[in-house]
C-alpha atoms as a PDB file:
ATOM      1  CA  UNK A   1      72.981  60.443 148.693  1.00  0.00           C
ATOM      2  CA  UNK A   2      72.984  62.291 152.019  1.00  0.00           C
ATOM      3  CA  UNK A   3      75.362  65.119 152.880  1.00  0.00           C
ATOM      4  CA  UNK A   4      75.298  65.547 156.657  1.00  0.00           C
ATOM      5  CA  UNK A   5      77.993  66.829 158.972  1.00  0.00           C
ATOM      6  CA  UNK A   6      79.312  64.475 161.605  1.00  0.00           C
ATOM      7  CA  UNK A   7      79.628  65.288 165.293  1.00  0.00           C
ATOM      8  CA  UNK A   8      83.174  66.672 165.037  1.00  0.00           C
ATOM      9  CA  UNK A   9      82.316  68.876 162.066  1.00  0.00           C
ATOM     10  CA  UNK A  10      79.270  70.296 163.840  1.00  0.00           C
ATOM     11  CA  UNK A  11      81.363  70.977 166.941  1.00  0.00           C
ATOM     12  CA  UNK A  12      83.984  72.714 164.789  1.00  0.00           C
ATOM     13  CA  UNK A  13      81.318  74.927 163.239  1.00  0.00           C
ATOM     14  CA  UNK A  14      79.861  75.709 166.652  1.00  0.00           C
ATOM     15  CA  UNK A  15      83.220  76.710 168.102  1.00  0.00           C
ATOM     16  CA  UNK A  16      83.952  79.062 165.206  1.00  0.00           C
ATOM     17  CA  UNK A  17      80.470  80.572 165.428  1.00  0.00           C
ATOM     18  CA  UNK A  18      80.862  81.196 169.150  1.00  0.00           C
ATOM     19  CA  UNK A  19      84.277  82.778 168.640  1.00  0.00           C
ATOM     20  CA  UNK A  20      83.117  85.118 165.879  1.00  0.00           C
ATOM     21  CA  UNK A  21      79.914  86.047 167.711  1.00  0.00           C
ATOM     22  CA  UNK A  22      81.849  87.040 170.819  1.00  0.00           C
ATOM     23  CA  UNK A  23      84.441  88.987 168.831  1.00  0.00           C
ATOM     24  CA  UNK A  24      82.197  91.870 167.657  1.00  0.00           C
ATOM     25  CA  UNK A  25      83.038  91.172 164.042  1.00  0.00           C
ATOM     26  CA  UNK A  26      80.844  94.023 162.804  1.00  0.00           C
ATOM     27  CA  UNK A  27      83.177  96.584 164.395  1.00  0.00           C
ATOM     28  CA  UNK A  28      86.206  94.910 162.813  1.00  0.00           C
ATOM     29  CA  UNK A  29      84.497  94.991 159.403  1.00  0.00           C
ATOM     30  CA  UNK A  30      83.730  98.708 159.687  1.00  0.00           C
ATOM     31  CA  UNK A  31      87.278  99.458 160.815  1.00  0.00           C
ATOM     32  CA  UNK A  32      88.622  97.441 157.888  1.00  0.00           C
ATOM     33  CA  UNK A  33      86.540  99.476 155.452  1.00  0.00           C
ATOM     34  CA  UNK A  34      88.190 102.641 156.862  1.00  0.00           C
ATOM     35  CA  UNK A  35      91.673 101.191 156.404  1.00  0.00           C
ATOM     36  CA  UNK A  36      92.095 100.388 160.115  1.00  0.00           C
ATOM     37  CA  UNK A  37      93.116  96.750 160.001  1.00  0.00           C
ATOM     38  CA  UNK A  38      94.404  95.978 163.504  1.00  0.00           C
ATOM     39  CA  UNK A  39      91.103  94.534 164.732  1.00  0.00           C
ATOM     40  CA  UNK A  40      90.547  92.569 161.546  1.00  0.00           C
ATOM     41  CA  UNK A  41      94.055  91.114 161.629  1.00  0.00           C
ATOM     42  CA  UNK A  42      93.639  90.028 165.245  1.00  0.00           C
ATOM     43  CA  UNK A  43      90.386  88.303 164.338  1.00  0.00           C
ATOM     44  CA  UNK A  44      92.075  86.754 161.291  1.00  0.00           C
ATOM     45  CA  UNK A  45      94.823  85.271 163.467  1.00  0.00           C
ATOM     46  CA  UNK A  46      92.254  83.751 165.816  1.00  0.00           C
ATOM     47  CA  UNK A  47      90.455  82.249 162.827  1.00  0.00           C
ATOM     48  CA  UNK A  48      93.760  80.815 161.566  1.00  0.00           C
ATOM     49  CA  UNK A  49      94.635  79.511 165.035  1.00  0.00           C
ATOM     50  CA  UNK A  50      91.580  77.271 164.747  1.00  0.00           C
ATOM     51  CA  UNK A  51      93.385  75.599 161.832  1.00  0.00           C
ATOM     52  CA  UNK A  52      91.152  76.881 159.045  1.00  0.00           C
ATOM     53  CA  UNK A  53      93.863  77.524 156.443  1.00  0.00           C
ATOM     54  CA  UNK A  54      95.708  74.315 157.291  1.00  0.00           C
ATOM     55  CA  UNK A  55      92.648  72.395 156.089  1.00  0.00           C
ATOM     56  CA  UNK A  56      93.474  73.314 152.474  1.00  0.00           C
ATOM     57  CA  UNK A  57      97.110  72.175 152.568  1.00  0.00           C
ATOM     58  CA  UNK A  58      98.489  68.596 152.678  1.00  0.00           C
ATOM     59  CA  UNK A  59     100.344  67.398 155.743  1.00  0.00           C
ATOM     60  CA  UNK A  60     103.560  67.204 153.724  1.00  0.00           C
ATOM     61  CA  UNK A  61     103.444  70.990 153.344  1.00  0.00           C
ATOM     62  CA  UNK A  62     102.542  71.764 156.963  1.00  0.00           C
ATOM     63  CA  UNK A  63      98.769  71.500 156.734  1.00  0.00           C
ATOM     64  CA  UNK A  64      96.091  69.161 158.068  1.00  0.00           C
ATOM     65  CA  UNK A  65      94.469  68.264 154.802  1.00  0.00           C
ATOM     66  CA  UNK A  66      93.316  68.352 152.278  1.00  0.00           C
ATOM     67  CA  UNK A  67      89.965  68.518 154.107  1.00  0.00           C
ATOM     68  CA  UNK A  68      87.621  70.513 151.861  1.00  0.00           C
ATOM     69  CA  UNK A  69      84.440  69.687 153.773  1.00  0.00           C
ATOM     70  CA  UNK A  70      85.832  71.109 157.004  1.00  0.00           C
ATOM     71  CA  UNK A  71      87.106  74.149 155.119  1.00  0.00           C
ATOM     72  CA  UNK A  72      83.631  74.715 153.671  1.00  0.00           C
ATOM     73  CA  UNK A  73      82.161  74.460 157.172  1.00  0.00           C
ATOM     74  CA  UNK A  74      84.602  77.102 158.421  1.00  0.00           C
ATOM     75  CA  UNK A  75      83.903  79.430 155.498  1.00  0.00           C
ATOM     76  CA  UNK A  76      80.166  79.209 156.109  1.00  0.00           C
ATOM     77  CA  UNK A  77      80.765  80.538 159.606  1.00  0.00           C
ATOM     78  CA  UNK A  78      83.031  83.289 158.296  1.00  0.00           C
ATOM     79  CA  UNK A  79      80.260  84.256 155.892  1.00  0.00           C
ATOM     80  CA  UNK A  80      77.717  84.452 158.695  1.00  0.00           C
ATOM     81  CA  UNK A  81      79.781  87.242 160.265  1.00  0.00           C
ATOM     82  CA  UNK A  82      81.200  88.879 157.093  1.00  0.00           C
ATOM     83  CA  UNK A  83      84.762  88.266 158.301  1.00  0.00           C
ATOM     84  CA  UNK A  84      87.026  90.896 156.689  1.00  0.00           C
ATOM     85  CA  UNK A  85      90.061  90.000 154.632  1.00  0.00           C
ATOM     86  CA  UNK A  86      90.877  87.991 151.475  1.00  0.00           C
ATOM     87  CA  UNK A  87      89.699  84.616 152.747  1.00  0.00           C
ATOM     88  CA  UNK A  88      89.059  82.798 149.457  1.00  0.00           C
ATOM     89  CA  UNK A  89      92.181  84.367 147.969  1.00  0.00           C
ATOM     90  CA  UNK A  90      94.360  83.180 150.862  1.00  0.00           C
ATOM     91  CA  UNK A  91      92.894  79.683 150.552  1.00  0.00           C
ATOM     92  CA  UNK A  92      93.556  79.709 146.804  1.00  0.00           C
ATOM     93  CA  UNK A  93      97.087  81.023 147.248  1.00  0.00           C
ATOM     94  CA  UNK A  94      97.863  78.371 149.865  1.00  0.00           C
ATOM     95  CA  UNK A  95      96.587  75.614 147.585  1.00  0.00           C
ATOM     96  CA  UNK A  96      98.563  77.008 144.649  1.00  0.00           C
ATOM     97  CA  UNK A  97     101.808  77.263 146.590  1.00  0.00           C
ATOM     98  CA  UNK A  98     101.384  73.786 148.052  1.00  0.00           C
ATOM     99  CA  UNK A  99     100.645  72.327 144.587  1.00  0.00           C
ATOM    100  CA  UNK A 100     103.733  73.675 142.825  1.00  0.00           C
ATOM    101  CA  UNK A 101     106.463  71.201 141.932  1.00  0.00           C
ATOM    102  CA  UNK A 102     109.087  73.509 143.407  1.00  0.00           C
ATOM    103  CA  UNK A 103     108.703  73.504 147.221  1.00  0.00           C
ATOM    104  CA  UNK A 104     110.736  76.690 147.711  1.00  0.00           C
ATOM    105  CA  UNK A 105     107.859  79.204 147.372  1.00  0.00           C
ATOM    106  CA  UNK A 106     105.698  77.135 149.688  1.00  0.00           C
ATOM    107  CA  UNK A 107     108.463  77.021 152.265  1.00  0.00           C
ATOM    108  CA  UNK A 108     108.800  80.806 152.137  1.00  0.00           C
ATOM    109  CA  UNK A 109     105.160  81.818 152.305  1.00  0.00           C
ATOM    110  CA  UNK A 110     103.002  78.958 153.544  1.00  0.00           C
ATOM    111  CA  UNK A 111     103.981  79.066 157.255  1.00  0.00           C
ATOM    112  CA  UNK A 112     102.849  82.679 157.572  1.00  0.00           C
ATOM    113  CA  UNK A 113      99.618  82.037 155.670  1.00  0.00           C
ATOM    114  CA  UNK A 114      98.733  78.959 157.698  1.00  0.00           C
ATOM    115  CA  UNK A 115      99.426  80.654 161.030  1.00  0.00           C
ATOM    116  CA  UNK A 116      97.463  83.782 160.138  1.00  0.00           C
ATOM    117  CA  UNK A 117     100.484  86.043 160.443  1.00  0.00           C
ATOM    118  CA  UNK A 118     100.089  87.056 156.807  1.00  0.00           C
ATOM    119  CA  UNK A 119      97.373  87.205 154.164  1.00  0.00           C
ATOM    120  CA  UNK A 120      97.499  86.490 150.454  1.00  0.00           C
ATOM    121  CA  UNK A 121      95.676  87.647 147.381  1.00  0.00           C
ATOM    122  CA  UNK A 122      95.561  85.931 144.026  1.00  0.00           C
ATOM    123  CA  UNK A 123      94.483  87.221 140.615  1.00  0.00           C
ATOM    124  CA  UNK A 124      95.362  87.055 136.917  1.00  0.00           C
ATOM    125  CA  UNK A 125      98.114  89.493 135.949  1.00  0.00           C
ATOM    126  CA  UNK A 126      96.626  92.840 134.994  1.00  0.00           C
ATOM    127  CA  UNK A 127      93.454  92.186 137.010  1.00  0.00           C
ATOM    128  CA  UNK A 128      92.123  93.720 140.167  1.00  0.00           C
ATOM    129  CA  UNK A 129      92.998  91.779 143.304  1.00  0.00           C
ATOM    130  CA  UNK A 130      91.147  91.868 146.602  1.00  0.00           C
ATOM    131  CA  UNK A 131      92.865  93.511 149.581  1.00  0.00           C
ATOM    132  CA  UNK A 132      96.252  93.615 147.866  1.00  0.00           C
ATOM    133  CA  UNK A 133      97.311  96.455 150.170  1.00  0.00           C
ATOM    134  CA  UNK A 134      96.716  94.297 153.243  1.00  0.00           C
ATOM    135  CA  UNK A 135      98.196  91.111 151.771  1.00  0.00           C
ATOM    136  CA  UNK A 136     101.862  90.295 152.243  1.00  0.00           C
ATOM    137  CA  UNK A 137     101.729  87.678 149.478  1.00  0.00           C
ATOM    138  CA  UNK A 138     100.358  88.910 146.146  1.00  0.00           C
ATOM    139  CA  UNK A 139     100.354  86.173 143.520  1.00  0.00           C
ATOM    140  CA  UNK A 140      99.836  87.159 139.890  1.00  0.00           C
ATOM    141  CA  UNK A 141      99.283  84.396 137.370  1.00  0.00           C
ATOM    142  CA  UNK A 142     100.471  84.959 133.770  1.00  0.00           C
ATOM    143  CA  UNK A 143     100.456  83.335 130.411  1.00  0.00           C
ATOM    144  CA  UNK A 144      96.879  82.614 129.271  1.00  0.00           C
ATOM    145  CA  UNK A 145      94.726  84.503 126.862  1.00  0.00           C
ATOM    146  CA  UNK A 146      92.064  85.131 129.502  1.00  0.00           C
ATOM    147  CA  UNK A 147      94.481  86.352 132.138  1.00  0.00           C
ATOM    148  CA  UNK A 148      93.861  90.005 131.508  1.00  0.00           C
ATOM    149  CA  UNK A 149      90.185  89.957 132.416  1.00  0.00           C
ATOM    150  CA  UNK A 150      89.630  92.852 134.819  1.00  0.00           C
ATOM    151  CA  UNK A 151      86.932  91.707 137.282  1.00  0.00           C
ATOM    152  CA  UNK A 152      88.324  91.241 140.777  1.00  0.00           C
ATOM    153  CA  UNK A 153      88.244  87.871 142.392  1.00  0.00           C
ATOM    154  CA  UNK A 154      87.605  85.757 139.308  1.00  0.00           C
ATOM    155  CA  UNK A 155      89.630  82.615 139.144  1.00  0.00           C
ATOM    156  CA  UNK A 156      92.391  82.341 136.561  1.00  0.00           C
ATOM    157  CA  UNK A 157      92.181  79.655 133.950  1.00  0.00           C
ATOM    158  CA  UNK A 158      94.101  76.410 133.887  1.00  0.00           C
ATOM    159  CA  UNK A 159      96.328  77.398 130.973  1.00  0.00           C
ATOM    160  CA  UNK A 160      98.421  79.899 132.910  1.00  0.00           C
ATOM    161  CA  UNK A 161     102.111  79.045 132.793  1.00  0.00           C
ATOM    162  CA  UNK A 162     103.713  81.448 135.252  1.00  0.00           C
ATOM    163  CA  UNK A 163     103.249  82.658 138.822  1.00  0.00           C
ATOM    164  CA  UNK A 164     104.907  85.852 140.044  1.00  0.00           C
ATOM    165  CA  UNK A 165     105.079  87.668 143.358  1.00  0.00           C
ATOM    166  CA  UNK A 166     103.568  91.010 142.390  1.00  0.00           C
ATOM    167  CA  UNK A 167     104.907  94.290 143.826  1.00  0.00           C
ATOM    168  CA  UNK A 168     102.810  96.325 146.218  1.00  0.00           C
ATOM    169  CA  UNK A 169     100.065  98.262 144.398  1.00  0.00           C
ATOM    170  CA  UNK A 170     100.196 102.034 144.232  1.00  0.00           C
ATOM    171  CA  UNK A 171      96.591 102.528 145.272  1.00  0.00           C
ATOM    172  CA  UNK A 172      93.231 100.823 145.653  1.00  0.00           C
ATOM    173  CA  UNK A 173      89.620 101.490 144.820  1.00  0.00           C
ATOM    174  CA  UNK A 174      86.403 100.762 146.729  1.00  0.00           C
ATOM    175  CA  UNK A 175      84.023  98.019 145.673  1.00  0.00           C
ATOM    176  CA  UNK A 176      80.336  97.450 146.292  1.00  0.00           C
ATOM    177  CA  UNK A 177      81.302  95.994 149.670  1.00  0.00           C
ATOM    178  CA  UNK A 178      83.129  98.747 151.632  1.00  0.00           C
ATOM    179  CA  UNK A 179      85.277  96.104 153.339  1.00  0.00           C
ATOM    180  CA  UNK A 180      86.540  94.695 150.021  1.00  0.00           C
ATOM    181  CA  UNK A 181      89.039  97.081 148.375  1.00  0.00           C
ATOM    182  CA  UNK A 182      90.451  96.321 144.956  1.00  0.00           C
ATOM    183  CA  UNK A 183      93.913  97.013 143.557  1.00  0.00           C
ATOM    184  CA  UNK A 184      95.392  96.519 140.118  1.00  0.00           C
ATOM    185  CA  UNK A 185      98.376  94.204 140.459  1.00  0.00           C
ATOM    186  CA  UNK A 186     101.483  95.846 138.955  1.00  0.00           C
ATOM    187  CA  UNK A 187     103.363  94.067 136.212  1.00  0.00           C
ATOM    188  CA  UNK A 188     106.624  92.302 136.910  1.00  0.00           C
ATOM    189  CA  UNK A 189     107.732  90.901 140.204  1.00  0.00           C
ATOM    190  CA  UNK A 190     109.717  87.875 141.296  1.00  0.00           C
ATOM    191  CA  UNK A 191     109.129  84.705 139.285  1.00  0.00           C
ATOM    192  CA  UNK A 192     108.009  81.925 141.617  1.00  0.00           C
ATOM    193  CA  UNK A 193     107.089  79.158 139.203  1.00  0.00           C
ATOM    194  CA  UNK A 194     106.696  78.463 135.501  1.00  0.00           C
ATOM    195  CA  UNK A 195     106.186  75.543 133.174  1.00  0.00           C
ATOM    196  CA  UNK A 196     103.499  72.959 132.424  1.00  0.00           C
ATOM    197  CA  UNK A 197     102.899  72.079 136.072  1.00  0.00           C
ATOM    198  CA  UNK A 198     101.630  75.549 136.901  1.00  0.00           C
ATOM    199  CA  UNK A 199      98.390  75.217 134.940  1.00  0.00           C
ATOM    200  CA  UNK A 200      96.962  72.295 136.946  1.00  0.00           C
ATOM    201  CA  UNK A 201      98.051  73.976 140.192  1.00  0.00           C
ATOM    202  CA  UNK A 202      96.186  77.142 139.214  1.00  0.00           C
ATOM    203  CA  UNK A 203      93.093  75.132 138.300  1.00  0.00           C
ATOM    204  CA  UNK A 204      93.187  73.460 141.699  1.00  0.00           C
ATOM    205  CA  UNK A 205      93.562  76.828 143.410  1.00  0.00           C
ATOM    206  CA  UNK A 206      90.559  78.149 141.467  1.00  0.00           C
ATOM    207  CA  UNK A 207      88.440  75.212 142.594  1.00  0.00           C
ATOM    208  CA  UNK A 208      89.277  75.714 146.272  1.00  0.00           C
ATOM    209  CA  UNK A 209      88.820  79.490 146.135  1.00  0.00           C
ATOM    210  CA  UNK A 210      85.462  79.065 144.403  1.00  0.00           C
ATOM    211  CA  UNK A 211      84.410  76.535 147.050  1.00  0.00           C
ATOM    212  CA  UNK A 212      85.373  78.962 149.825  1.00  0.00           C
ATOM    213  CA  UNK A 213      83.419  81.743 148.118  1.00  0.00           C
ATOM    214  CA  UNK A 214      80.328  79.557 147.796  1.00  0.00           C
ATOM    215  CA  UNK A 215      80.521  78.653 151.478  1.00  0.00           C
ATOM    216  CA  UNK A 216      80.869  82.297 152.505  1.00  0.00           C
ATOM    217  CA  UNK A 217      77.839  83.181 150.403  1.00  0.00           C
ATOM    218  CA  UNK A 218      75.786  80.438 152.022  1.00  0.00           C
ATOM    219  CA  UNK A 219      76.788  81.684 155.476  1.00  0.00           C
ATOM    220  CA  UNK A 220      75.851  85.259 154.579  1.00  0.00           C
ATOM    221  CA  UNK A 221      72.474  84.079 153.292  1.00  0.00           C
ATOM    222  CA  UNK A 222      71.769  82.088 156.449  1.00  0.00           C
ATOM    223  CA  UNK A 223      72.647  85.075 158.640  1.00  0.00           C
ATOM    224  CA  UNK A 224      70.445  87.378 156.551  1.00  0.00           C
ATOM    225  CA  UNK A 225      67.549  84.974 156.896  1.00  0.00           C
ATOM    226  CA  UNK A 226      67.996  84.666 160.678  1.00  0.00           C
ATOM    227  CA  UNK A 227      68.092  88.441 161.095  1.00  0.00           C
ATOM    228  CA  UNK A 228      65.036  88.921 158.916  1.00  0.00           C
ATOM    229  CA  UNK A 229      62.980  86.270 160.710  1.00  0.00           C
ATOM    230  CA  UNK A 230      63.811  87.941 164.022  1.00  0.00           C
ATOM    231  CA  UNK A 231      62.936  91.370 162.622  1.00  0.00           C
ATOM    232  CA  UNK A 232      59.523  90.440 161.215  1.00  0.00           C
ATOM    233  CA  UNK A 233      58.706  88.805 164.529  1.00  0.00           C
ATOM    234  CA  UNK A 234      59.347  92.097 166.347  1.00  0.00           C
ATOM    235  CA  UNK A 235      57.967  94.645 163.918  1.00  0.00           C
ATOM    236  CA  UNK A 236      54.237  95.203 164.151  1.00  0.00           C
ATOM    237  CA  UNK A 237      51.665  96.634 161.781  1.00  0.00           C
ATOM    238  CA  UNK A 238      47.944  96.927 162.403  1.00  0.00           C
ATOM    239  CA  UNK A 239      48.634  95.620 165.873  1.00  0.00           C
ATOM    240  CA  UNK A 240      50.220  92.313 164.812  1.00  0.00           C
ATOM    241  CA  UNK A 241      53.736  91.164 163.893  1.00  0.00           C
ATOM    242  CA  UNK A 242      54.362  91.461 160.158  1.00  0.00           C
ATOM    243  CA  UNK A 243      55.795  87.964 160.265  1.00  0.00           C
ATOM    244  CA  UNK A 244      52.236  86.691 160.573  1.00  0.00           C
ATOM    245  CA  UNK A 245      51.322  88.034 157.120  1.00  0.00           C
ATOM    246  CA  UNK A 246      51.042  85.333 154.488  1.00  0.00           C
ATOM    247  CA  UNK A 247      53.064  87.248 151.893  1.00  0.00           C
ATOM    248  CA  UNK A 248      55.943  87.658 154.344  1.00  0.00           C
ATOM    249  CA  UNK A 249      55.841  83.977 155.256  1.00  0.00           C
ATOM    250  CA  UNK A 250      55.981  82.979 151.602  1.00  0.00           C
ATOM    251  CA  UNK A 251      58.932  85.271 150.918  1.00  0.00           C
ATOM    252  CA  UNK A 252      60.932  83.863 153.803  1.00  0.00           C
ATOM    253  CA  UNK A 253      59.951  80.292 152.984  1.00  0.00           C
ATOM    254  CA  UNK A 254      61.284  80.748 149.435  1.00  0.00           C
ATOM    255  CA  UNK A 255      64.565  82.067 150.857  1.00  0.00           C
ATOM    256  CA  UNK A 256      64.847  79.159 153.280  1.00  0.00           C
ATOM    257  CA  UNK A 257      64.213  76.570 150.566  1.00  0.00           C
ATOM    258  CA  UNK A 258      66.828  78.119 148.269  1.00  0.00           C
ATOM    259  CA  UNK A 259      69.454  78.120 151.020  1.00  0.00           C
ATOM    260  CA  UNK A 260      68.656  74.583 152.121  1.00  0.00           C
ATOM    261  CA  UNK A 261      68.958  73.333 148.539  1.00  0.00           C
ATOM    262  CA  UNK A 262      72.337  75.055 148.272  1.00  0.00           C
ATOM    263  CA  UNK A 263      73.725  73.411 151.417  1.00  0.00           C
ATOM    264  CA  UNK A 264      73.911  69.793 150.121  1.00  0.00           C
ATOM    265  CA  UNK A 265      75.282  71.018 146.800  1.00  0.00           C
ATOM    266  CA  UNK A 266      78.077  72.758 148.684  1.00  0.00           C
ATOM    267  CA  UNK A 267      78.905  69.744 150.846  1.00  0.00           C
ATOM    268  CA  UNK A 268      78.685  67.393 147.881  1.00  0.00           C
ATOM    269  CA  UNK A 269      81.013  69.605 145.858  1.00  0.00           C
ATOM    270  CA  UNK A 270      83.445  69.640 148.773  1.00  0.00           C
ATOM    271  CA  UNK A 271      83.474  65.845 148.695  1.00  0.00           C
ATOM    272  CA  UNK A 272      84.155  65.533 144.969  1.00  0.00           C
ATOM    273  CA  UNK A 273      86.146  68.756 144.367  1.00  0.00           C
ATOM    274  CA  UNK A 274      85.215  68.455 140.703  1.00  0.00           C
ATOM    275  CA  UNK A 275      85.316  71.905 139.060  1.00  0.00           C
ATOM    276  CA  UNK A 276      81.812  71.551 137.607  1.00  0.00           C
ATOM    277  CA  UNK A 277      80.371  70.476 140.956  1.00  0.00           C
ATOM    278  CA  UNK A 278      82.022  73.413 142.706  1.00  0.00           C
ATOM    279  CA  UNK A 279      80.768  75.785 140.002  1.00  0.00           C
ATOM    280  CA  UNK A 280      77.225  74.467 140.489  1.00  0.00           C
ATOM    281  CA  UNK A 281      77.510  74.881 144.255  1.00  0.00           C
ATOM    282  CA  UNK A 282      78.804  78.425 143.895  1.00  0.00           C
ATOM    283  CA  UNK A 283      76.041  79.321 141.463  1.00  0.00           C
ATOM    284  CA  UNK A 284      73.311  77.961 143.728  1.00  0.00           C
ATOM    285  CA  UNK A 285      74.748  79.331 146.991  1.00  0.00           C
ATOM    286  CA  UNK A 286      75.369  82.807 145.615  1.00  0.00           C
ATOM    287  CA  UNK A 287      71.976  83.045 143.914  1.00  0.00           C
ATOM    288  CA  UNK A 288      70.267  81.847 147.114  1.00  0.00           C
ATOM    289  CA  UNK A 289      72.185  84.386 149.211  1.00  0.00           C
ATOM    290  CA  UNK A 290      71.448  87.167 146.727  1.00  0.00           C
ATOM    291  CA  UNK A 291      67.736  86.318 146.712  1.00  0.00           C
ATOM    292  CA  UNK A 292      67.715  86.251 150.509  1.00  0.00           C
ATOM    293  CA  UNK A 293      69.476  89.621 150.587  1.00  0.00           C
ATOM    294  CA  UNK A 294      66.782  91.144 148.381  1.00  0.00           C
ATOM    295  CA  UNK A 295      64.057  89.722 150.607  1.00  0.00           C
ATOM    296  CA  UNK A 296      65.845  90.965 153.730  1.00  0.00           C
ATOM    297  CA  UNK A 297      66.211  94.444 152.277  1.00  0.00           C
ATOM    298  CA  UNK A 298      62.523  94.665 151.427  1.00  0.00           C
ATOM    299  CA  UNK A 299      61.243  93.225 154.692  1.00  0.00           C
ATOM    300  CA  UNK A 300      63.472  95.466 156.809  1.00  0.00           C
ATOM    301  CA  UNK A 301      62.072  98.523 155.048  1.00  0.00           C
ATOM    302  CA  UNK A 302      64.037 101.742 155.478  1.00  0.00           C
ATOM    303  CA  UNK A 303      66.357 100.091 158.035  1.00  0.00           C
ATOM    304  CA  UNK A 304      67.769  97.920 155.261  1.00  0.00           C
ATOM    305  CA  UNK A 305      69.026 100.959 153.375  1.00  0.00           C
ATOM    306  CA  UNK A 306      71.065 102.384 156.253  1.00  0.00           C
ATOM    307  CA  UNK A 307      74.798 101.688 156.395  1.00  0.00           C
ATOM    308  CA  UNK A 308      74.689 102.092 160.176  1.00  0.00           C
ATOM    309  CA  UNK A 309      72.721  98.873 160.626  1.00  0.00           C
ATOM    310  CA  UNK A 310      74.763  95.658 160.672  1.00  0.00           C
ATOM    311  CA  UNK A 311      72.405  94.212 158.082  1.00  0.00           C
ATOM    312  CA  UNK A 312      74.201  96.303 155.452  1.00  0.00           C
ATOM    313  CA  UNK A 313      77.435  94.391 156.033  1.00  0.00           C
ATOM    314  CA  UNK A 314      75.764  91.161 154.980  1.00  0.00           C
ATOM    315  CA  UNK A 315      73.779  92.718 152.134  1.00  0.00           C
ATOM    316  CA  UNK A 316      76.853  94.127 150.415  1.00  0.00           C
ATOM    317  CA  UNK A 317      78.901  90.989 151.090  1.00  0.00           C
ATOM    318  CA  UNK A 318      76.276  88.733 149.506  1.00  0.00           C
ATOM    319  CA  UNK A 319      76.175  90.950 146.424  1.00  0.00           C
ATOM    320  CA  UNK A 320      79.974  91.100 146.098  1.00  0.00           C
ATOM    321  CA  UNK A 321      80.449  87.346 146.485  1.00  0.00           C
ATOM    322  CA  UNK A 322      77.978  86.705 143.675  1.00  0.00           C
ATOM    323  CA  UNK A 323      80.532  87.899 141.104  1.00  0.00           C
ATOM    324  CA  UNK A 324      83.733  86.846 142.901  1.00  0.00           C
ATOM    325  CA  UNK A 325      85.633  83.817 141.570  1.00  0.00           C
ATOM    326  CA  UNK A 326      83.163  83.243 138.781  1.00  0.00           C
ATOM    327  CA  UNK A 327      80.056  85.172 137.792  1.00  0.00           C
ATOM    328  CA  UNK A 328      76.751  83.282 137.501  1.00  0.00           C
ATOM    329  CA  UNK A 329      77.270  83.136 133.740  1.00  0.00           C
ATOM    330  CA  UNK A 330      80.775  81.685 134.082  1.00  0.00           C
ATOM    331  CA  UNK A 331      79.610  79.096 136.592  1.00  0.00           C
ATOM    332  CA  UNK A 332      76.747  78.079 134.301  1.00  0.00           C
ATOM    333  CA  UNK A 333      79.198  77.727 131.428  1.00  0.00           C
ATOM    334  CA  UNK A 334      81.393  75.472 133.570  1.00  0.00           C
ATOM    335  CA  UNK A 335      78.426  73.289 134.512  1.00  0.00           C
ATOM    336  CA  UNK A 336      77.028  73.084 130.991  1.00  0.00           C
ATOM    337  CA  UNK A 337      80.447  72.444 129.483  1.00  0.00           C
ATOM    338  CA  UNK A 338      80.964  69.525 131.839  1.00  0.00           C
ATOM    339  CA  UNK A 339      77.471  68.152 131.177  1.00  0.00           C
ATOM    340  CA  UNK A 340      78.118  68.253 127.442  1.00  0.00           C
ATOM    341  CA  UNK A 341      81.377  66.383 127.947  1.00  0.00           C
ATOM    342  CA  UNK A 342      82.113  63.383 130.082  1.00  0.00           C
ATOM    343  CA  UNK A 343      79.417  64.034 132.691  1.00  0.00           C
ATOM    344  CA  UNK A 344      79.574  62.234 136.003  1.00  0.00           C
ATOM    345  CA  UNK A 345      80.029  63.808 139.411  1.00  0.00           C
ATOM    346  CA  UNK A 346      77.087  65.202 141.316  1.00  0.00           C
ATOM    347  CA  UNK A 347      75.537  66.577 138.134  1.00  0.00           C
ATOM    348  CA  UNK A 348      75.491  63.207 136.431  1.00  0.00           C
ATOM    349  CA  UNK A 349      73.947  61.239 139.285  1.00  0.00           C
END
């Protein structure tokens, strides 16, 4: 089975890459980490104007989808530039709202999310949510035994029976990535949906958010590799570029192979949207990006440890995404649980 982008998908990726490259995203990320969000919001609106968030929502709810492959392509490009803001959370919230039986919440919140005028965050009740201070829509999911797990960004389980619009948080705390601030969602809030139909909607939202996270991680890994290849070609030692050293070549080749193996897994998971396939893609993409980040840090030497260099934005993002919306252990459990059950999908072929 071959997973290759067609001409339109490649053109879409190229247009997003050109837009983000010309936008000086690094400055917007640094401003976001200081709480100055004007530049990041302007960039977010341009990203939404390209139709990115509409790809996750059916046409009946104002979207262009569902088109998960195109969404994955867009999120790869966002990952290349460490786009600030709760991207996976907004995708998950849009999918959740569009999947609810009651169309009223979707009618209230989806237009702003799809246009980029507002952002969303999504987390189990009592958990830390990403960028809740910046998000106008804060969805807290209630009702399952695992809902109170504290790690930020992990997807809620399918057994949740209630979705509430959480109040604004009182404060936030920094994370490993300076541009990703975490807030504990307060209890209470307006009830948006409840009942047996909420669980499957939450599971679907988890799958899409995990797919978006995997794609961002792959993009971050690809950007780290490109920067490192360029750096070792410029830096000299003993009168020659360090990129000519065999040990350096092997390290970069290992990173390239890991990323290239992750790419078809991501695209295949986008085609099937099976939870186990998406978990496998997230595991592989995040581990490949994390391994590439470690290689980039070592090969850049002291430069890699400085926050002033743009490399740091990608290093911290790759590390943060590794645990967001499913740790490696949770993703392995999802894959192994599926393999022990019915099988099928990418993992059974």
